[in-house]
Amino acid sequence: MAKKILAIDDSKAMRQMVAMTLKTAGYDVTEAENGADALEKVGAVQFDLILTDINMPNMDGIELIKRLRLLPDYKLTPIVCLTTESSTEMKDEGKAAGTTGWIVKPFSPEKLLLTIGRVL
């Protein structure tokens, strides 16, 4: 059975590119456009991995990670940030919130798949 991944980004083009890369590699992908949308989706489906942007409207990635880590089903689920943010401060904030990995955009499909393979 394919691993279920929730891909969250406010850019439709980025979500589509990520989804296509992951689906081609055999993953079952669900898309969400921001943190609030993602929280609704995790209530209906148990995902094996969360892939989230940081800078989004309605609820950013850091707040989403904090809220996910409060849910019993997502305490240990890998959460990877896929973002333009590259500062040490932001990475530290992500780590404190509970992120498992960090990929800076632009990224290569190979790096995305390698990172996901490592944390799953």
PDB file of N, CA and C in Angstrom:
ATOM      1  N   MET A   1       0.832  -1.185   0.000  1.00  0.00           N
ATOM      2  CA  MET A   1       0.000   0.000   0.000  1.00  0.00           C
ATOM      3  C   MET A   1       0.878   1.251   0.000  1.00  0.00           C
ATOM      4  N   ALA A   2       0.527   2.228  -0.839  1.00  0.00           N
ATOM      5  CA  ALA A   2       1.331   3.440  -0.972  1.00  0.00           C
ATOM      6  C   ALA A   2       1.267   4.286   0.295  1.00  0.00           C
ATOM      7  N   LYS A   3       2.388   4.871   0.647  1.00  0.00           N
ATOM      8  CA  LYS A   3       2.443   5.792   1.779  1.00  0.00           C
ATOM      9  C   LYS A   3       1.652   7.045   1.436  1.00  0.00           C
ATOM     10  N   LYS A   4       0.904   7.554   2.424  1.00  0.00           N
ATOM     11  CA  LYS A   4       0.074   8.745   2.218  1.00  0.00           C
ATOM     12  C   LYS A   4       0.832   9.992   2.671  1.00  0.00           C
ATOM     13  N   ILE A   5       0.923  10.961   1.756  1.00  0.00           N
ATOM     14  CA  ILE A   5       1.620  12.216   2.042  1.00  0.00           C
ATOM     15  C   ILE A   5       0.661  13.379   1.849  1.00  0.00           C
ATOM     16  N   LEU A   6       0.674  14.308   2.801  1.00  0.00           N
ATOM     17  CA  LEU A   6      -0.083  15.544   2.687  1.00  0.00           C
ATOM     18  C   LEU A   6       0.908  16.636   2.309  1.00  0.00           C
ATOM     19  N   ALA A   7       0.706  17.258   1.131  1.00  0.00           N
ATOM     20  CA  ALA A   7       1.575  18.323   0.636  1.00  0.00           C
ATOM     21  C   ALA A   7       0.851  19.664   0.771  1.00  0.00           C
ATOM     22  N   ILE A   8       1.438  20.578   1.541  1.00  0.00           N
ATOM     23  CA  ILE A   8       0.793  21.852   1.846  1.00  0.00           C
ATOM     24  C   ILE A   8       1.633  23.005   1.318  1.00  0.00           C
ATOM     25  N   ASP A   9       1.027  23.818   0.458  1.00  0.00           N
ATOM     26  CA  ASP A   9       1.692  25.015  -0.074  1.00  0.00           C
ATOM     27  C   ASP A   9       0.618  25.937  -0.614  1.00  0.00           C
ATOM     28  N   ASP A  10       0.762  27.239  -0.407  1.00  0.00           N
ATOM     29  CA  ASP A  10      -0.229  28.172  -0.921  1.00  0.00           C
ATOM     30  C   ASP A  10      -0.091  28.401  -2.423  1.00  0.00           C
ATOM     31  N   SER A  11       1.018  27.974  -3.021  1.00  0.00           N
ATOM     32  CA  SER A  11       1.211  28.080  -4.467  1.00  0.00           C
ATOM     33  C   SER A  11       0.691  26.817  -5.149  1.00  0.00           C
ATOM     34  N   LYS A  12      -0.334  26.996  -5.979  1.00  0.00           N
ATOM     35  CA  LYS A  12      -0.911  25.850  -6.690  1.00  0.00           C
ATOM     36  C   LYS A  12       0.131  25.179  -7.577  1.00  0.00           C
ATOM     37  N   ALA A  13       0.953  25.981  -8.256  1.00  0.00           N
ATOM     38  CA  ALA A  13       1.985  25.426  -9.135  1.00  0.00           C
ATOM     39  C   ALA A  13       2.978  24.567  -8.345  1.00  0.00           C
ATOM     40  N   MET A  14       3.361  25.040  -7.160  1.00  0.00           N
ATOM     41  CA  MET A  14       4.301  24.270  -6.329  1.00  0.00           C
ATOM     42  C   MET A  14       3.649  22.975  -5.859  1.00  0.00           C
ATOM     43  N   ARG A  15       2.383  23.049  -5.418  1.00  0.00           N
ATOM     44  CA  ARG A  15       1.681  21.824  -4.992  1.00  0.00           C
ATOM     45  C   ARG A  15       1.620  20.818  -6.130  1.00  0.00           C
ATOM     46  N   GLN A  16       1.319  21.282  -7.330  1.00  0.00           N
ATOM     47  CA  GLN A  16       1.208  20.373  -8.471  1.00  0.00           C
ATOM     48  C   GLN A  16       2.556  19.740  -8.807  1.00  0.00           C
ATOM     49  N   MET A  17       3.625  20.535  -8.745  1.00  0.00           N
ATOM     50  CA  MET A  17       4.954  19.998  -9.052  1.00  0.00           C
ATOM     51  C   MET A  17       5.359  18.952  -8.009  1.00  0.00           C
ATOM     52  N   VAL A  18       5.123  19.254  -6.745  1.00  0.00           N
ATOM     53  CA  VAL A  18       5.450  18.313  -5.666  1.00  0.00           C
ATOM     54  C   VAL A  18       4.603  17.050  -5.806  1.00  0.00           C
ATOM     55  N   ALA A  19       3.298  17.225  -6.029  1.00  0.00           N
ATOM     56  CA  ALA A  19       2.398  16.072  -6.149  1.00  0.00           C
ATOM     57  C   ALA A  19       2.804  15.175  -7.317  1.00  0.00           C
ATOM     58  N   MET A  20       3.143  15.778  -8.450  1.00  0.00           N
ATOM     59  CA  MET A  20       3.535  14.989  -9.616  1.00  0.00           C
ATOM     60  C   MET A  20       4.806  14.188  -9.316  1.00  0.00           C
ATOM     61  N   THR A  21       5.777  14.828  -8.682  1.00  0.00           N
ATOM     62  CA  THR A  21       7.027  14.142  -8.322  1.00  0.00           C
ATOM     63  C   THR A  21       6.747  12.958  -7.405  1.00  0.00           C
ATOM     64  N   LEU A  22       5.926  13.186  -6.384  1.00  0.00           N
ATOM     65  CA  LEU A  22       5.646  12.134  -5.410  1.00  0.00           C
ATOM     66  C   LEU A  22       4.779  11.020  -5.983  1.00  0.00           C
ATOM     67  N   LYS A  23       3.773  11.375  -6.765  1.00  0.00           N
ATOM     68  CA  LYS A  23       2.901  10.358  -7.368  1.00  0.00           C
ATOM     69  C   LYS A  23       3.682   9.483  -8.336  1.00  0.00           C
ATOM     70  N   THR A  24       4.602  10.089  -9.095  1.00  0.00           N
ATOM     71  CA  THR A  24       5.432   9.325 -10.024  1.00  0.00           C
ATOM     72  C   THR A  24       6.289   8.308  -9.274  1.00  0.00           C
ATOM     73  N   ALA A  25       6.660   8.656  -8.040  1.00  0.00           N
ATOM     74  CA  ALA A  25       7.468   7.752  -7.206  1.00  0.00           C
ATOM     75  C   ALA A  25       6.609   6.740  -6.450  1.00  0.00           C
ATOM     76  N   GLY A  26       5.282   6.783  -6.641  1.00  0.00           N
ATOM     77  CA  GLY A  26       4.412   5.775  -6.047  1.00  0.00           C
ATOM     78  C   GLY A  26       3.707   6.171  -4.757  1.00  0.00           C
ATOM     79  N   TYR A  27       3.829   7.432  -4.370  1.00  0.00           N
ATOM     80  CA  TYR A  27       3.159   7.886  -3.146  1.00  0.00           C
ATOM     81  C   TYR A  27       1.719   8.306  -3.444  1.00  0.00           C
ATOM     82  N   ASP A  28       0.862   8.191  -2.432  1.00  0.00           N
ATOM     83  CA  ASP A  28      -0.517   8.653  -2.485  1.00  0.00           C
ATOM     84  C   ASP A  28      -0.509  10.073  -1.902  1.00  0.00           C
ATOM     85  N   VAL A  29      -0.809  11.078  -2.731  1.00  0.00           N
ATOM     86  CA  VAL A  29      -0.644  12.473  -2.323  1.00  0.00           C
ATOM     87  C   VAL A  29      -1.987  13.196  -2.218  1.00  0.00           C
ATOM     88  N   THR A  30      -2.157  13.923  -1.122  1.00  0.00           N
ATOM     89  CA  THR A  30      -3.285  14.826  -0.932  1.00  0.00           C
ATOM     90  C   THR A  30      -2.703  16.221  -0.816  1.00  0.00           C
ATOM     91  N   GLU A  31      -3.362  17.205  -1.420  1.00  0.00           N
ATOM     92  CA  GLU A  31      -2.869  18.578  -1.388  1.00  0.00           C
ATOM     93  C   GLU A  31      -3.726  19.440  -0.465  1.00  0.00           C
ATOM     94  N   ALA A  32      -3.075  20.426   0.169  1.00  0.00           N
ATOM     95  CA  ALA A  32      -3.767  21.433   0.980  1.00  0.00           C
ATOM     96  C   ALA A  32      -3.118  22.781   0.676  1.00  0.00           C
ATOM     97  N   GLU A  33      -3.940  23.859   0.721  1.00  0.00           N
ATOM     98  CA  GLU A  33      -3.412  25.167   0.326  1.00  0.00           C
ATOM     99  C   GLU A  33      -2.894  26.028   1.473  1.00  0.00           C
ATOM    100  N   ASN A  34      -3.127  25.611   2.720  1.00  0.00           N
ATOM    101  CA  ASN A  34      -2.579  26.334   3.870  1.00  0.00           C
ATOM    102  C   ASN A  34      -2.739  25.452   5.112  1.00  0.00           C
ATOM    103  N   GLY A  35      -2.255  25.956   6.238  1.00  0.00           N
ATOM    104  CA  GLY A  35      -2.305  25.170   7.464  1.00  0.00           C
ATOM    105  C   GLY A  35      -3.710  24.832   7.924  1.00  0.00           C
ATOM    106  N   ALA A  36      -4.631  25.790   7.787  1.00  0.00           N
ATOM    107  CA  ALA A  36      -6.018  25.544   8.208  1.00  0.00           C
ATOM    108  C   ALA A  36      -6.644  24.437   7.373  1.00  0.00           C
ATOM    109  N   ASP A  37      -6.413  24.474   6.059  1.00  0.00           N
ATOM    110  CA  ASP A  37      -6.911  23.444   5.145  1.00  0.00           C
ATOM    111  C   ASP A  37      -6.297  22.088   5.516  1.00  0.00           C
ATOM    112  N   ALA A  38      -5.018  22.092   5.838  1.00  0.00           N
ATOM    113  CA  ALA A  38      -4.322  20.859   6.216  1.00  0.00           C
ATOM    114  C   ALA A  38      -4.907  20.241   7.485  1.00  0.00           C
ATOM    115  N   LEU A  39      -5.204  21.086   8.482  1.00  0.00           N
ATOM    116  CA  LEU A  39      -5.765  20.558   9.735  1.00  0.00           C
ATOM    117  C   LEU A  39      -7.101  19.870   9.505  1.00  0.00           C
ATOM    118  N   GLU A  40      -7.907  20.402   8.582  1.00  0.00           N
ATOM    119  CA  GLU A  40      -9.169  19.738   8.241  1.00  0.00           C
ATOM    120  C   GLU A  40      -8.901  18.361   7.640  1.00  0.00           C
ATOM    121  N   LYS A  41      -7.897  18.278   6.769  1.00  0.00           N
ATOM    122  CA  LYS A  41      -7.618  17.025   6.062  1.00  0.00           C
ATOM    123  C   LYS A  41      -7.022  15.960   6.977  1.00  0.00           C
ATOM    124  N   VAL A  42      -6.223  16.362   7.971  1.00  0.00           N
ATOM    125  CA  VAL A  42      -5.652  15.351   8.870  1.00  0.00           C
ATOM    126  C   VAL A  42      -6.708  14.778   9.806  1.00  0.00           C
ATOM    127  N   GLY A  43      -7.832  15.455   9.927  1.00  0.00           N
ATOM    128  CA  GLY A  43      -8.919  14.928  10.739  1.00  0.00           C
ATOM    129  C   GLY A  43      -9.653  13.788  10.064  1.00  0.00           C
ATOM    130  N   ALA A  44      -9.523  13.707   8.737  1.00  0.00           N
ATOM    131  CA  ALA A  44     -10.253  12.697   7.972  1.00  0.00           C
ATOM    132  C   ALA A  44      -9.381  11.514   7.550  1.00  0.00           C
ATOM    133  N   VAL A  45      -8.077  11.732   7.428  1.00  0.00           N
ATOM    134  CA  VAL A  45      -7.163  10.704   6.911  1.00  0.00           C
ATOM    135  C   VAL A  45      -5.905  10.689   7.768  1.00  0.00           C
ATOM    136  N   GLN A  46      -5.347   9.505   8.000  1.00  0.00           N
ATOM    137  CA  GLN A  46      -4.065   9.403   8.700  1.00  0.00           C
ATOM    138  C   GLN A  46      -2.959   9.406   7.641  1.00  0.00           C
ATOM    139  N   PHE A  47      -2.115  10.425   7.661  1.00  0.00           N
ATOM    140  CA  PHE A  47      -1.017  10.530   6.705  1.00  0.00           C
ATOM    141  C   PHE A  47       0.261   9.964   7.305  1.00  0.00           C
ATOM    142  N   ASP A  48       1.118   9.427   6.427  1.00  0.00           N
ATOM    143  CA  ASP A  48       2.395   8.869   6.864  1.00  0.00           C
ATOM    144  C   ASP A  48       3.480   9.940   6.948  1.00  0.00           C
ATOM    145  N   LEU A  49       3.273  11.058   6.214  1.00  0.00           N
ATOM    146  CA  LEU A  49       4.249  12.140   6.190  1.00  0.00           C
ATOM    147  C   LEU A  49       3.529  13.430   5.830  1.00  0.00           C
ATOM    148  N   ILE A  50       3.979  14.539   6.431  1.00  0.00           N
ATOM    149  CA  ILE A  50       3.458  15.865   6.134  1.00  0.00           C
ATOM    150  C   ILE A  50       4.600  16.658   5.499  1.00  0.00           C
ATOM    151  N   LEU A  51       4.328  17.295   4.372  1.00  0.00           N
ATOM    152  CA  LEU A  51       5.296  18.132   3.671  1.00  0.00           C
ATOM    153  C   LEU A  51       4.686  19.522   3.605  1.00  0.00           C
ATOM    154  N   THR A  52       5.281  20.498   4.299  1.00  0.00           N
ATOM    155  CA  THR A  52       4.645  21.812   4.391  1.00  0.00           C
ATOM    156  C   THR A  52       5.570  22.983   4.087  1.00  0.00           C
ATOM    157  N   ASP A  53       4.978  23.983   3.462  1.00  0.00           N
ATOM    158  CA  ASP A  53       5.629  25.274   3.282  1.00  0.00           C
ATOM    159  C   ASP A  53       5.589  25.983   4.639  1.00  0.00           C
ATOM    160  N   ILE A  54       6.350  27.053   4.790  1.00  0.00           N
ATOM    161  CA  ILE A  54       6.318  27.839   6.019  1.00  0.00           C
ATOM    162  C   ILE A  54       5.428  29.072   5.856  1.00  0.00           C
ATOM    163  N   ASN A  55       5.689  29.877   4.824  1.00  0.00           N
ATOM    164  CA  ASN A  55       4.974  31.139   4.637  1.00  0.00           C
ATOM    165  C   ASN A  55       3.685  30.928   3.849  1.00  0.00           C
ATOM    166  N   MET A  56       2.546  30.920   4.573  1.00  0.00           N
ATOM    167  CA  MET A  56       1.234  30.716   3.951  1.00  0.00           C
ATOM    168  C   MET A  56       0.210  31.588   4.669  1.00  0.00           C
ATOM    169  N   PRO A  57      -0.866  31.971   3.966  1.00  0.00           N
ATOM    170  CA  PRO A  57      -1.933  32.724   4.631  1.00  0.00           C
ATOM    171  C   PRO A  57      -2.772  31.810   5.536  1.00  0.00           C
ATOM    172  N   ASN A  58      -3.571  32.405   6.383  1.00  0.00           N
ATOM    173  CA  ASN A  58      -4.503  31.716   7.298  1.00  0.00           C
ATOM    174  C   ASN A  58      -3.806  30.995   8.447  1.00  0.00           C
ATOM    175  N   MET A  59      -2.818  30.172   8.143  1.00  0.00           N
ATOM    176  CA  MET A  59      -2.023  29.517   9.185  1.00  0.00           C
ATOM    177  C   MET A  59      -0.696  29.111   8.564  1.00  0.00           C
ATOM    178  N   ASP A  60       0.402  29.631   9.125  1.00  0.00           N
ATOM    179  CA  ASP A  60       1.706  29.304   8.548  1.00  0.00           C
ATOM    180  C   ASP A  60       2.169  27.909   8.964  1.00  0.00           C
ATOM    181  N   GLY A  61       3.272  27.489   8.378  1.00  0.00           N
ATOM    182  CA  GLY A  61       3.777  26.143   8.613  1.00  0.00           C
ATOM    183  C   GLY A  61       4.218  25.877  10.042  1.00  0.00           C
ATOM    184  N   ILE A  62       4.819  26.881  10.695  1.00  0.00           N
ATOM    185  CA  ILE A  62       5.270  26.686  12.076  1.00  0.00           C
ATOM    186  C   ILE A  62       4.071  26.448  12.990  1.00  0.00           C
ATOM    187  N   GLU A  63       3.029  27.260  12.850  1.00  0.00           N
ATOM    188  CA  GLU A  63       1.821  27.079  13.664  1.00  0.00           C
ATOM    189  C   GLU A  63       1.180  25.724  13.371  1.00  0.00           C
ATOM    190  N   LEU A  64       1.153  25.330  12.090  1.00  0.00           N
ATOM    191  CA  LEU A  64       0.603  24.028  11.714  1.00  0.00           C
ATOM    192  C   LEU A  64       1.369  22.903  12.407  1.00  0.00           C
ATOM    193  N   ILE A  65       2.685  22.964  12.364  1.00  0.00           N
ATOM    194  CA  ILE A  65       3.501  21.916  12.988  1.00  0.00           C
ATOM    195  C   ILE A  65       3.208  21.829  14.487  1.00  0.00           C
ATOM    196  N   LYS A  66       3.134  22.975  15.143  1.00  0.00           N
ATOM    197  CA  LYS A  66       2.828  22.985  16.584  1.00  0.00           C
ATOM    198  C   LYS A  66       1.484  22.309  16.858  1.00  0.00           C
ATOM    199  N   ARG A  67       0.492  22.632  16.048  1.00  0.00           N
ATOM    200  CA  ARG A  67      -0.847  22.051  16.259  1.00  0.00           C
ATOM    201  C   ARG A  67      -0.872  20.563  15.936  1.00  0.00           C
ATOM    202  N   LEU A  68      -0.153  20.163  14.881  1.00  0.00           N
ATOM    203  CA  LEU A  68      -0.105  18.735  14.545  1.00  0.00           C
ATOM    204  C   LEU A  68       0.534  17.931  15.668  1.00  0.00           C
ATOM    205  N   ARG A  69       1.587  18.463  16.267  1.00  0.00           N
ATOM    206  CA  ARG A  69       2.298  17.739  17.328  1.00  0.00           C
ATOM    207  C   ARG A  69       1.447  17.569  18.585  1.00  0.00           C
ATOM    208  N   LEU A  70       0.371  18.342  18.707  1.00  0.00           N
ATOM    209  CA  LEU A  70      -0.550  18.184  19.833  1.00  0.00           C
ATOM    210  C   LEU A  70      -1.548  17.051  19.613  1.00  0.00           C
ATOM    211  N   LEU A  71      -1.688  16.612  18.358  1.00  0.00           N
ATOM    212  CA  LEU A  71      -2.631  15.538  18.025  1.00  0.00           C
ATOM    213  C   LEU A  71      -1.975  14.178  18.255  1.00  0.00           C
ATOM    214  N   PRO A  72      -2.626  13.269  18.982  1.00  0.00           N
ATOM    215  CA  PRO A  72      -2.026  11.958  19.266  1.00  0.00           C
ATOM    216  C   PRO A  72      -1.564  11.215  18.003  1.00  0.00           C
ATOM    217  N   ASP A  73      -2.323  11.294  16.912  1.00  0.00           N
ATOM    218  CA  ASP A  73      -1.960  10.576  15.679  1.00  0.00           C
ATOM    219  C   ASP A  73      -0.764  11.188  14.958  1.00  0.00           C
ATOM    220  N   TYR A  74      -0.363  12.399  15.327  1.00  0.00           N
ATOM    221  CA  TYR A  74       0.718  13.084  14.603  1.00  0.00           C
ATOM    222  C   TYR A  74       1.905  13.458  15.489  1.00  0.00           C
ATOM    223  N   LYS A  75       1.962  12.890  16.691  1.00  0.00           N
ATOM    224  CA  LYS A  75       3.090  13.172  17.587  1.00  0.00           C
ATOM    225  C   LYS A  75       4.423  12.720  16.977  1.00  0.00           C
ATOM    226  N   LEU A  76       4.400  11.582  16.270  1.00  0.00           N
ATOM    227  CA  LEU A  76       5.638  11.005  15.739  1.00  0.00           C
ATOM    228  C   LEU A  76       5.703  10.983  14.213  1.00  0.00           C
ATOM    229  N   THR A  77       4.686  11.500  13.540  1.00  0.00           N
ATOM    230  CA  THR A  77       4.652  11.509  12.075  1.00  0.00           C
ATOM    231  C   THR A  77       5.748  12.440  11.549  1.00  0.00           C
ATOM    232  N   PRO A  78       6.537  11.988  10.562  1.00  0.00           N
ATOM    233  CA  PRO A  78       7.543  12.883   9.986  1.00  0.00           C
ATOM    234  C   PRO A  78       6.895  14.114   9.345  1.00  0.00           C
ATOM    235  N   ILE A  79       7.465  15.284   9.650  1.00  0.00           N
ATOM    236  CA  ILE A  79       7.017  16.543   9.057  1.00  0.00           C
ATOM    237  C   ILE A  79       8.242  17.209   8.438  1.00  0.00           C
ATOM    238  N   VAL A  80       8.193  17.413   7.125  1.00  0.00           N
ATOM    239  CA  VAL A  80       9.307  18.028   6.397  1.00  0.00           C
ATOM    240  C   VAL A  80       8.857  19.389   5.882  1.00  0.00           C
ATOM    241  N   CYS A  81       9.678  20.410   6.120  1.00  0.00           N
ATOM    242  CA  CYS A  81       9.388  21.744   5.603  1.00  0.00           C
ATOM    243  C   CYS A  81      10.033  21.887   4.235  1.00  0.00           C
ATOM    244  N   LEU A  82       9.259  22.388   3.292  1.00  0.00           N
ATOM    245  CA  LEU A  82       9.734  22.676   1.937  1.00  0.00           C
ATOM    246  C   LEU A  82       9.464  24.152   1.728  1.00  0.00           C
ATOM    247  N   THR A  83      10.500  24.982   1.832  1.00  0.00           N
ATOM    248  CA  THR A  83      10.306  26.420   1.960  1.00  0.00           C
ATOM    249  C   THR A  83      11.458  27.221   1.367  1.00  0.00           C
ATOM    250  N   THR A  84      11.215  28.502   1.143  1.00  0.00           N
ATOM    251  CA  THR A  84      12.283  29.405   0.718  1.00  0.00           C
ATOM    252  C   THR A  84      13.097  29.880   1.918  1.00  0.00           C
ATOM    253  N   GLU A  85      12.595  29.648   3.116  1.00  0.00           N
ATOM    254  CA  GLU A  85      13.280  30.075   4.343  1.00  0.00           C
ATOM    255  C   GLU A  85      14.549  29.246   4.554  1.00  0.00           C
ATOM    256  N   SER A  86      15.681  29.927   4.693  1.00  0.00           N
ATOM    257  CA  SER A  86      16.938  29.193   4.872  1.00  0.00           C
ATOM    258  C   SER A  86      17.743  29.663   6.081  1.00  0.00           C
ATOM    259  N   SER A  87      17.220  30.630   6.833  1.00  0.00           N
ATOM    260  CA  SER A  87      17.976  31.154   7.968  1.00  0.00           C
ATOM    261  C   SER A  87      18.059  30.131   9.100  1.00  0.00           C
ATOM    262  N   THR A  88      19.146  30.208   9.836  1.00  0.00           N
ATOM    263  CA  THR A  88      19.335  29.328  10.986  1.00  0.00           C
ATOM    264  C   THR A  88      18.220  29.554  12.008  1.00  0.00           C
ATOM    265  N   GLU A  89      17.831  30.826  12.199  1.00  0.00           N
ATOM    266  CA  GLU A  89      16.780  31.144  13.165  1.00  0.00           C
ATOM    267  C   GLU A  89      15.466  30.450  12.808  1.00  0.00           C
ATOM    268  N   MET A  90      15.105  30.486  11.518  1.00  0.00           N
ATOM    269  CA  MET A  90      13.852  29.868  11.093  1.00  0.00           C
ATOM    270  C   MET A  90      13.938  28.345  11.206  1.00  0.00           C
ATOM    271  N   LYS A  91      15.077  27.782  10.861  1.00  0.00           N
ATOM    272  CA  LYS A  91      15.254  26.336  10.999  1.00  0.00           C
ATOM    273  C   LYS A  91      15.163  25.928  12.467  1.00  0.00           C
ATOM    274  N   ASP A  92      15.749  26.745  13.345  1.00  0.00           N
ATOM    275  CA  ASP A  92      15.674  26.462  14.782  1.00  0.00           C
ATOM    276  C   ASP A  92      14.239  26.547  15.280  1.00  0.00           C
ATOM    277  N   GLU A  93      13.484  27.530  14.760  1.00  0.00           N
ATOM    278  CA  GLU A  93      12.077  27.661  15.143  1.00  0.00           C
ATOM    279  C   GLU A  93      11.288  26.436  14.668  1.00  0.00           C
ATOM    280  N   GLY A  94      11.597  25.966  13.463  1.00  0.00           N
ATOM    281  CA  GLY A  94      10.949  24.762  12.941  1.00  0.00           C
ATOM    282  C   GLY A  94      11.284  23.540  13.770  1.00  0.00           C
ATOM    283  N   LYS A  95      12.541  23.415  14.143  1.00  0.00           N
ATOM    284  CA  LYS A  95      12.973  22.276  14.963  1.00  0.00           C
ATOM    285  C   LYS A  95      12.276  22.301  16.315  1.00  0.00           C
ATOM    286  N   ALA A  96      12.176  23.488  16.905  1.00  0.00           N
ATOM    287  CA  ALA A  96      11.505  23.625  18.207  1.00  0.00           C
ATOM    288  C   ALA A  96      10.016  23.266  18.089  1.00  0.00           C
ATOM    289  N   ALA A  97       9.425  23.560  16.950  1.00  0.00           N
ATOM    290  CA  ALA A  97       8.004  23.241  16.734  1.00  0.00           C
ATOM    291  C   ALA A  97       7.789  21.753  16.508  1.00  0.00           C
ATOM    292  N   GLY A  98       8.822  21.055  16.010  1.00  0.00           N
ATOM    293  CA  GLY A  98       8.699  19.614  15.820  1.00  0.00           C
ATOM    294  C   GLY A  98       8.947  19.116  14.411  1.00  0.00           C
ATOM    295  N   THR A  99       9.601  19.922  13.572  1.00  0.00           N
ATOM    296  CA  THR A  99       9.870  19.461  12.213  1.00  0.00           C
ATOM    297  C   THR A  99      10.934  18.361  12.203  1.00  0.00           C
ATOM    298  N   THR A 100      10.816  17.477  11.229  1.00  0.00           N
ATOM    299  CA  THR A 100      11.741  16.349  11.096  1.00  0.00           C
ATOM    300  C   THR A 100      12.857  16.663  10.106  1.00  0.00           C
ATOM    301  N   GLY A 101      12.525  17.442   9.068  1.00  0.00           N
ATOM    302  CA  GLY A 101      13.496  17.767   8.026  1.00  0.00           C
ATOM    303  C   GLY A 101      13.198  19.115   7.408  1.00  0.00           C
ATOM    304  N   TRP A 102      14.157  19.621   6.597  1.00  0.00           N
ATOM    305  CA  TRP A 102      14.045  20.962   6.026  1.00  0.00           C
ATOM    306  C   TRP A 102      14.651  20.942   4.627  1.00  0.00           C
ATOM    307  N   ILE A 103      13.878  21.321   3.626  1.00  0.00           N
ATOM    308  CA  ILE A 103      14.365  21.423   2.246  1.00  0.00           C
ATOM    309  C   ILE A 103      14.116  22.855   1.783  1.00  0.00           C
ATOM    310  N   VAL A 104      15.159  23.489   1.240  1.00  0.00           N
ATOM    311  CA  VAL A 104      15.035  24.870   0.776  1.00  0.00           C
ATOM    312  C   VAL A 104      14.716  24.882  -0.720  1.00  0.00           C
ATOM    313  N   LYS A 105      13.707  25.700  -1.083  1.00  0.00           N
ATOM    314  CA  LYS A 105      13.347  25.900  -2.493  1.00  0.00           C
ATOM    315  C   LYS A 105      14.352  26.875  -3.107  1.00  0.00           C
ATOM    316  N   PRO A 106      14.694  26.765  -4.378  1.00  0.00           N
ATOM    317  CA  PRO A 106      14.253  25.690  -5.264  1.00  0.00           C
ATOM    318  C   PRO A 106      14.938  24.377  -4.899  1.00  0.00           C
ATOM    319  N   PHE A 107      14.301  23.285  -5.231  1.00  0.00           N
ATOM    320  CA  PHE A 107      14.796  21.971  -4.870  1.00  0.00           C
ATOM    321  C   PHE A 107      14.764  21.083  -6.111  1.00  0.00           C
ATOM    322  N   SER A 108      15.509  19.999  -6.045  1.00  0.00           N
ATOM    323  CA  SER A 108      15.453  19.026  -7.141  1.00  0.00           C
ATOM    324  C   SER A 108      14.505  17.904  -6.730  1.00  0.00           C
ATOM    325  N   PRO A 109      13.791  17.321  -7.701  1.00  0.00           N
ATOM    326  CA  PRO A 109      12.929  16.184  -7.364  1.00  0.00           C
ATOM    327  C   PRO A 109      13.707  15.062  -6.677  1.00  0.00           C
ATOM    328  N   GLU A 110      14.953  14.852  -7.076  1.00  0.00           N
ATOM    329  CA  GLU A 110      15.771  13.805  -6.479  1.00  0.00           C
ATOM    330  C   GLU A 110      16.016  14.067  -4.992  1.00  0.00           C
ATOM    331  N   LYS A 111      16.304  15.332  -4.662  1.00  0.00           N
ATOM    332  CA  LYS A 111      16.537  15.678  -3.252  1.00  0.00           C
ATOM    333  C   LYS A 111      15.259  15.493  -2.438  1.00  0.00           C
ATOM    334  N   LEU A 112      14.123  15.884  -3.009  1.00  0.00           N
ATOM    335  CA  LEU A 112      12.846  15.712  -2.317  1.00  0.00           C
ATOM    336  C   LEU A 112      12.602  14.233  -2.026  1.00  0.00           C
ATOM    337  N   LEU A 113      12.760  13.390  -3.042  1.00  0.00           N
ATOM    338  CA  LEU A 113      12.505  11.954  -2.869  1.00  0.00           C
ATOM    339  C   LEU A 113      13.520  11.310  -1.913  1.00  0.00           C
ATOM    340  N   LEU A 114      14.756  11.750  -1.968  1.00  0.00           N
ATOM    341  CA  LEU A 114      15.785  11.218  -1.078  1.00  0.00           C
ATOM    342  C   LEU A 114      15.453  11.574   0.385  1.00  0.00           C
ATOM    343  N   THR A 115      15.084  12.813   0.617  1.00  0.00           N
ATOM    344  CA  THR A 115      14.756  13.247   1.982  1.00  0.00           C
ATOM    345  C   THR A 115      13.530  12.497   2.508  1.00  0.00           C
ATOM    346  N   ILE A 116      12.498  12.369   1.683  1.00  0.00           N
ATOM    347  CA  ILE A 116      11.297  11.664   2.107  1.00  0.00           C
ATOM    348  C   ILE A 116      11.602  10.190   2.380  1.00  0.00           C
ATOM    349  N   GLY A 117      12.420   9.604   1.517  1.00  0.00           N
ATOM    350  CA  GLY A 117      12.806   8.211   1.724  1.00  0.00           C
ATOM    351  C   GLY A 117      13.535   8.014   3.041  1.00  0.00           C
ATOM    352  N   ARG A 118      14.345   8.977   3.429  1.00  0.00           N
ATOM    353  CA  ARG A 118      15.089   8.888   4.688  1.00  0.00           C
ATOM    354  C   ARG A 118      14.190   8.942   5.907  1.00  0.00           C
ATOM    355  N   VAL A 119      13.204   9.858   5.879  1.00  0.00           N
ATOM    356  CA  VAL A 119      12.386  10.039   7.079  1.00  0.00           C
ATOM    357  C   VAL A 119      11.236   9.052   7.182  1.00  0.00           C
ATOM    358  N   LEU A 120      10.865   8.433   6.069  1.00  0.00           N
ATOM    359  CA  LEU A 120       9.821   7.402   6.134  1.00  0.00           C
ATOM    360  C   LEU A 120      10.467   6.080   6.488  1.00  0.00           C
TER     361      LEU A 120
END
